[in-house]
Amino acid sequence: MSNFNVPTRDEVNSNNQAIFDNLEKALGFVPNLYATFAHSENALGNHLAASNAKTSLNAKQKEVVNLAVSQVNNCIYCLSAHTAVGKMNGFTDEQILELRGGYASFDNKLDALARLARNITENRGFTDAVVLENFFEAGWTKENLVDTIVLVGDKTISNYLHSTTKIPVDFPVAQPLEATV
């Protein structure tokens, strides 16, 4: 049982209230995990700034990383959210399951990215040399590597926040990977 509530707009400071209003306009609701960041006066704004910062990875590539990292960290909230976002970015249910597993048989370049994100997360940054070599051989750059590592860190923060607070999932709940294989 979690001691954390999902704060409402009235329970957060004025900066977070403005962010809530923008999220409501953009998404139609304030996701529970974003609201949970608002227990801090600054964390929600900082998190959104990092998540929306310029990167060499496009939206679809970011979802590859988000799904692989969230699976390794076993974060049901982020798996559920990024399954929905992955579908909005054109991935099929089958492709999402592969990405959660840390690979992509349907695309060589995305496969190298998924394998790298999974490996970095599993090994806490001590990336396997073969996985890294395959990443570069697939056409990725050093800039892409740095941006991927930053995204792994950002996603890990969200994963850890949910794993610690256990706030309710407000997306269609992703099935356990084992149950889908």
C-alpha atoms as a PDB file:
ATOM      1  CA  MET A   1       0.000   0.000   0.000  1.00  0.00           C
ATOM      2  CA  SER A   2       1.374   3.350  -0.993  1.00  0.00           C
ATOM      3  CA  ASN A   3       1.482   6.369   1.275  1.00  0.00           C
ATOM      4  CA  PHE A   4       1.456   8.573  -1.796  1.00  0.00           C
ATOM      5  CA  ASN A   5      -1.636  10.264  -3.103  1.00  0.00           C
ATOM      6  CA  VAL A   6      -1.975  11.623  -6.589  1.00  0.00           C
ATOM      7  CA  PRO A   7      -2.188  15.350  -5.890  1.00  0.00           C
ATOM      8  CA  THR A   8      -4.966  17.362  -7.422  1.00  0.00           C
ATOM      9  CA  ARG A   9      -4.494  20.764  -9.007  1.00  0.00           C
ATOM     10  CA  ASP A  10      -5.564  22.446  -5.752  1.00  0.00           C
ATOM     11  CA  GLU A  11      -2.890  20.561  -3.790  1.00  0.00           C
ATOM     12  CA  VAL A  12       0.118  21.752  -5.816  1.00  0.00           C
ATOM     13  CA  ASN A  13       1.923  25.079  -6.078  1.00  0.00           C
ATOM     14  CA  SER A  14       1.026  27.708  -8.680  1.00  0.00           C
ATOM     15  CA  ASN A  15       3.848  26.696 -11.071  1.00  0.00           C
ATOM     16  CA  ASN A  16       2.640  23.102 -11.045  1.00  0.00           C
ATOM     17  CA  GLN A  17      -0.965  24.278 -11.431  1.00  0.00           C
ATOM     18  CA  ALA A  18       0.045  26.020 -14.668  1.00  0.00           C
ATOM     19  CA  ILE A  19       1.747  22.817 -15.846  1.00  0.00           C
ATOM     20  CA  PHE A  20      -1.378  20.829 -14.938  1.00  0.00           C
ATOM     21  CA  ASP A  21      -3.446  23.259 -17.032  1.00  0.00           C
ATOM     22  CA  ASN A  22      -1.102  22.827 -20.021  1.00  0.00           C
ATOM     23  CA  LEU A  23      -1.167  19.037 -19.682  1.00  0.00           C
ATOM     24  CA  GLU A  24      -4.958  19.094 -19.494  1.00  0.00           C
ATOM     25  CA  LYS A  25      -5.087  21.130 -22.720  1.00  0.00           C
ATOM     26  CA  ALA A  26      -2.511  18.974 -24.525  1.00  0.00           C
ATOM     27  CA  LEU A  27      -3.506  15.501 -23.323  1.00  0.00           C
ATOM     28  CA  GLY A  28      -7.036  15.923 -22.022  1.00  0.00           C
ATOM     29  CA  PHE A  29      -5.911  14.871 -18.528  1.00  0.00           C
ATOM     30  CA  VAL A  30      -2.959  15.009 -16.149  1.00  0.00           C
ATOM     31  CA  PRO A  31      -1.351  11.563 -16.003  1.00  0.00           C
ATOM     32  CA  ASN A  32      -1.026  10.304 -12.438  1.00  0.00           C
ATOM     33  CA  LEU A  33       2.739   9.934 -12.675  1.00  0.00           C
ATOM     34  CA  TYR A  34       3.151  13.537 -13.806  1.00  0.00           C
ATOM     35  CA  ALA A  35       0.913  14.652 -10.959  1.00  0.00           C
ATOM     36  CA  THR A  36       3.061  12.648  -8.539  1.00  0.00           C
ATOM     37  CA  PHE A  37       6.146  14.583  -9.682  1.00  0.00           C
ATOM     38  CA  ALA A  38       4.232  17.696  -8.514  1.00  0.00           C
ATOM     39  CA  HIS A  39       4.693  16.721  -4.858  1.00  0.00           C
ATOM     40  CA  SER A  40       7.932  18.617  -5.460  1.00  0.00           C
ATOM     41  CA  GLU A  41       7.789  22.285  -6.382  1.00  0.00           C
ATOM     42  CA  ASN A  42      10.324  21.750  -9.185  1.00  0.00           C
ATOM     43  CA  ALA A  43      10.446  18.077 -10.197  1.00  0.00           C
ATOM     44  CA  LEU A  44       7.498  18.115 -12.621  1.00  0.00           C
ATOM     45  CA  GLY A  45       8.810  21.080 -14.590  1.00  0.00           C
ATOM     46  CA  ASN A  46      12.333  19.682 -14.565  1.00  0.00           C
ATOM     47  CA  HIS A  47      11.113  16.262 -15.678  1.00  0.00           C
ATOM     48  CA  LEU A  48       9.019  17.644 -18.520  1.00  0.00           C
ATOM     49  CA  ALA A  49      11.884  19.892 -19.641  1.00  0.00           C
ATOM     50  CA  ALA A  50      14.217  16.886 -19.782  1.00  0.00           C
ATOM     51  CA  SER A  51      11.637  14.639 -21.468  1.00  0.00           C
ATOM     52  CA  ASN A  52      10.844  17.259 -24.103  1.00  0.00           C
ATOM     53  CA  ALA A  53      14.405  18.501 -24.635  1.00  0.00           C
ATOM     54  CA  LYS A  54      15.913  18.500 -28.114  1.00  0.00           C
ATOM     55  CA  THR A  55      17.512  15.188 -29.015  1.00  0.00           C
ATOM     56  CA  SER A  56      18.895  13.395 -32.046  1.00  0.00           C
ATOM     57  CA  LEU A  57      16.268  10.676 -31.528  1.00  0.00           C
ATOM     58  CA  ASN A  58      12.856  11.094 -33.116  1.00  0.00           C
ATOM     59  CA  ALA A  59       9.607  10.289 -31.282  1.00  0.00           C
ATOM     60  CA  LYS A  60       9.469   6.704 -32.537  1.00  0.00           C
ATOM     61  CA  GLN A  61      13.099   6.044 -31.578  1.00  0.00           C
ATOM     62  CA  LYS A  62      12.484   7.505 -28.127  1.00  0.00           C
ATOM     63  CA  GLU A  63       9.630   5.041 -27.641  1.00  0.00           C
ATOM     64  CA  VAL A  64      12.001   2.174 -28.486  1.00  0.00           C
ATOM     65  CA  VAL A  65      14.198   3.265 -25.572  1.00  0.00           C
ATOM     66  CA  ASN A  66      11.266   3.994 -23.246  1.00  0.00           C
ATOM     67  CA  LEU A  67       9.757   0.540 -23.760  1.00  0.00           C
ATOM     68  CA  ALA A  68      13.030  -1.382 -23.393  1.00  0.00           C
ATOM     69  CA  VAL A  69      14.079   0.516 -20.261  1.00  0.00           C
ATOM     70  CA  SER A  70      10.653   0.321 -18.623  1.00  0.00           C
ATOM     71  CA  GLN A  71      10.561  -3.447 -19.185  1.00  0.00           C
ATOM     72  CA  VAL A  72      13.994  -3.977 -17.603  1.00  0.00           C
ATOM     73  CA  ASN A  73      12.945  -1.798 -14.663  1.00  0.00           C
ATOM     74  CA  ASN A  74       9.584  -3.600 -14.493  1.00  0.00           C
ATOM     75  CA  CYS A  75       7.568  -0.392 -14.324  1.00  0.00           C
ATOM     76  CA  ILE A  76       3.947  -1.228 -15.116  1.00  0.00           C
ATOM     77  CA  TYR A  77       2.958   2.451 -15.218  1.00  0.00           C
ATOM     78  CA  CYS A  78       5.559   3.389 -17.830  1.00  0.00           C
ATOM     79  CA  LEU A  79       5.012   0.179 -19.794  1.00  0.00           C
ATOM     80  CA  SER A  80       1.309   0.990 -19.956  1.00  0.00           C
ATOM     81  CA  ALA A  81       1.849   4.639 -20.896  1.00  0.00           C
ATOM     82  CA  HIS A  82       4.504   3.886 -23.506  1.00  0.00           C
ATOM     83  CA  THR A  83       2.494   1.046 -25.011  1.00  0.00           C
ATOM     84  CA  ALA A  84      -0.204   3.643 -25.703  1.00  0.00           C
ATOM     85  CA  VAL A  85       2.321   6.201 -26.982  1.00  0.00           C
ATOM     86  CA  GLY A  86       4.076   3.538 -29.044  1.00  0.00           C
ATOM     87  CA  LYS A  87       0.802   2.744 -30.791  1.00  0.00           C
ATOM     88  CA  MET A  88       0.279   6.464 -31.462  1.00  0.00           C
ATOM     89  CA  ASN A  89       3.744   6.465 -33.065  1.00  0.00           C
ATOM     90  CA  GLY A  90       2.813   3.632 -35.426  1.00  0.00           C
ATOM     91  CA  PHE A  91       4.088   0.501 -33.684  1.00  0.00           C
ATOM     92  CA  THR A  92       1.891  -2.604 -33.774  1.00  0.00           C
ATOM     93  CA  ASP A  93       1.103  -4.656 -30.674  1.00  0.00           C
ATOM     94  CA  GLU A  94       3.607  -7.310 -31.811  1.00  0.00           C
ATOM     95  CA  GLN A  95       6.333  -4.730 -32.387  1.00  0.00           C
ATOM     96  CA  ILE A  96       5.726  -3.205 -28.954  1.00  0.00           C
ATOM     97  CA  LEU A  97       6.154  -6.617 -27.346  1.00  0.00           C
ATOM     98  CA  GLU A  98       9.460  -7.081 -29.151  1.00  0.00           C
ATOM     99  CA  LEU A  99      10.652  -3.631 -28.103  1.00  0.00           C
ATOM    100  CA  ARG A 100       9.751  -4.404 -24.508  1.00  0.00           C
ATOM    101  CA  GLY A 101      11.903  -7.511 -24.888  1.00  0.00           C
ATOM    102  CA  GLY A 102      14.803  -5.347 -26.033  1.00  0.00           C
ATOM    103  CA  TYR A 103      14.875  -6.178 -29.727  1.00  0.00           C
ATOM    104  CA  ALA A 104      13.179  -5.348 -33.024  1.00  0.00           C
ATOM    105  CA  SER A 105      13.201  -8.095 -35.656  1.00  0.00           C
ATOM    106  CA  PHE A 106      11.264  -5.786 -37.973  1.00  0.00           C
ATOM    107  CA  ASP A 107      13.976  -3.086 -38.250  1.00  0.00           C
ATOM    108  CA  ASN A 108      17.746  -3.559 -38.010  1.00  0.00           C
ATOM    109  CA  LYS A 109      18.481  -0.017 -36.836  1.00  0.00           C
ATOM    110  CA  LEU A 110      15.746  -0.022 -34.178  1.00  0.00           C
ATOM    111  CA  ASP A 111      16.941  -3.482 -33.128  1.00  0.00           C
ATOM    112  CA  ALA A 112      20.404  -2.103 -32.367  1.00  0.00           C
ATOM    113  CA  LEU A 113      18.819   0.773 -30.418  1.00  0.00           C
ATOM    114  CA  ALA A 114      16.530  -1.501 -28.394  1.00  0.00           C
ATOM    115  CA  ARG A 115      19.395  -3.883 -27.607  1.00  0.00           C
ATOM    116  CA  LEU A 116      21.586  -0.981 -26.502  1.00  0.00           C
ATOM    117  CA  ALA A 117      18.895   0.550 -24.262  1.00  0.00           C
ATOM    118  CA  ARG A 118      18.204  -2.804 -22.658  1.00  0.00           C
ATOM    119  CA  ASN A 119      21.905  -3.557 -22.173  1.00  0.00           C
ATOM    120  CA  ILE A 120      22.690  -0.147 -20.665  1.00  0.00           C
ATOM    121  CA  THR A 121      19.787  -0.508 -18.233  1.00  0.00           C
ATOM    122  CA  GLU A 122      20.510  -4.112 -17.259  1.00  0.00           C
ATOM    123  CA  ASN A 123      24.206  -3.400 -16.739  1.00  0.00           C
ATOM    124  CA  ARG A 124      23.794   0.017 -15.101  1.00  0.00           C
ATOM    125  CA  GLY A 125      25.793   1.713 -17.808  1.00  0.00           C
ATOM    126  CA  PHE A 126      28.520  -0.900 -18.169  1.00  0.00           C
ATOM    127  CA  THR A 127      27.561  -1.472 -21.780  1.00  0.00           C
ATOM    128  CA  ASP A 128      28.652  -4.646 -23.519  1.00  0.00           C
ATOM    129  CA  ALA A 129      31.277  -3.827 -26.188  1.00  0.00           C
ATOM    130  CA  VAL A 130      29.591  -6.050 -28.809  1.00  0.00           C
ATOM    131  CA  VAL A 131      26.215  -4.384 -28.271  1.00  0.00           C
ATOM    132  CA  LEU A 132      27.857  -0.967 -28.616  1.00  0.00           C
ATOM    133  CA  GLU A 133      29.744  -2.013 -31.762  1.00  0.00           C
ATOM    134  CA  ASN A 134      26.499  -3.336 -33.293  1.00  0.00           C
ATOM    135  CA  PHE A 135      24.813  -0.023 -32.464  1.00  0.00           C
ATOM    136  CA  PHE A 136      27.405   1.925 -34.436  1.00  0.00           C
ATOM    137  CA  GLU A 137      27.455  -0.626 -37.277  1.00  0.00           C
ATOM    138  CA  ALA A 138      23.681  -0.151 -37.637  1.00  0.00           C
ATOM    139  CA  GLY A 139      24.310   3.497 -38.506  1.00  0.00           C
ATOM    140  CA  TRP A 140      23.930   5.236 -35.168  1.00  0.00           C
ATOM    141  CA  THR A 141      26.319   8.042 -34.145  1.00  0.00           C
ATOM    142  CA  LYS A 142      28.107   9.103 -30.972  1.00  0.00           C
ATOM    143  CA  GLU A 143      25.491  11.833 -30.619  1.00  0.00           C
ATOM    144  CA  ASN A 144      22.779   9.171 -30.760  1.00  0.00           C
ATOM    145  CA  LEU A 145      24.633   7.197 -28.079  1.00  0.00           C
ATOM    146  CA  VAL A 146      24.811  10.160 -25.706  1.00  0.00           C
ATOM    147  CA  ASP A 147      21.148  11.039 -26.314  1.00  0.00           C
ATOM    148  CA  THR A 148      20.153   7.408 -25.719  1.00  0.00           C
ATOM    149  CA  ILE A 149      22.001   7.333 -22.394  1.00  0.00           C
ATOM    150  CA  VAL A 150      20.309  10.580 -21.331  1.00  0.00           C
ATOM    151  CA  LEU A 151      16.925   9.091 -22.241  1.00  0.00           C
ATOM    152  CA  VAL A 152      17.706   5.869 -20.325  1.00  0.00           C
ATOM    153  CA  GLY A 153      18.413   8.014 -17.261  1.00  0.00           C
ATOM    154  CA  ASP A 154      15.274  10.095 -17.694  1.00  0.00           C
ATOM    155  CA  LYS A 155      13.075   7.028 -18.128  1.00  0.00           C
ATOM    156  CA  THR A 156      14.709   5.312 -15.160  1.00  0.00           C
ATOM    157  CA  ILE A 157      13.736   8.269 -12.962  1.00  0.00           C
ATOM    158  CA  SER A 158      10.076   7.836 -13.958  1.00  0.00           C
ATOM    159  CA  ASN A 159      10.315   4.077 -13.465  1.00  0.00           C
ATOM    160  CA  TYR A 160      11.764   4.515  -9.984  1.00  0.00           C
ATOM    161  CA  LEU A 161       9.184   7.141  -9.000  1.00  0.00           C
ATOM    162  CA  HIS A 162       6.356   4.770  -9.858  1.00  0.00           C
ATOM    163  CA  SER A 163       8.043   1.739  -8.309  1.00  0.00           C
ATOM    164  CA  THR A 164       8.448   3.666  -5.066  1.00  0.00           C
ATOM    165  CA  THR A 165       5.068   5.422  -4.929  1.00  0.00           C
ATOM    166  CA  LYS A 166       2.908   2.751  -6.595  1.00  0.00           C
ATOM    167  CA  ILE A 167       0.362   5.351  -7.679  1.00  0.00           C
ATOM    168  CA  PRO A 168      -2.532   4.005  -9.793  1.00  0.00           C
ATOM    169  CA  VAL A 169      -1.984   3.368 -13.500  1.00  0.00           C
ATOM    170  CA  ASP A 170      -4.332   5.559 -15.533  1.00  0.00           C
ATOM    171  CA  PHE A 171      -3.621   4.045 -18.963  1.00  0.00           C
ATOM    172  CA  PRO A 172      -4.812   0.700 -20.312  1.00  0.00           C
ATOM    173  CA  VAL A 173      -2.628  -1.686 -18.292  1.00  0.00           C
ATOM    174  CA  ALA A 174       0.078  -3.447 -20.286  1.00  0.00           C
ATOM    175  CA  GLN A 175       0.053  -7.206 -19.828  1.00  0.00           C
ATOM    176  CA  PRO A 176       3.119  -8.863 -18.306  1.00  0.00           C
ATOM    177  CA  LEU A 177       5.538  -9.711 -21.104  1.00  0.00           C
ATOM    178  CA  GLU A 178       5.620 -13.370 -20.051  1.00  0.00           C
ATOM    179  CA  ALA A 179       1.833 -13.613 -20.391  1.00  0.00           C
ATOM    180  CA  THR A 180       1.965 -12.443 -23.992  1.00  0.00           C
ATOM    181  CA  VAL A 181       4.668 -14.763 -25.323  1.00  0.00           C
END
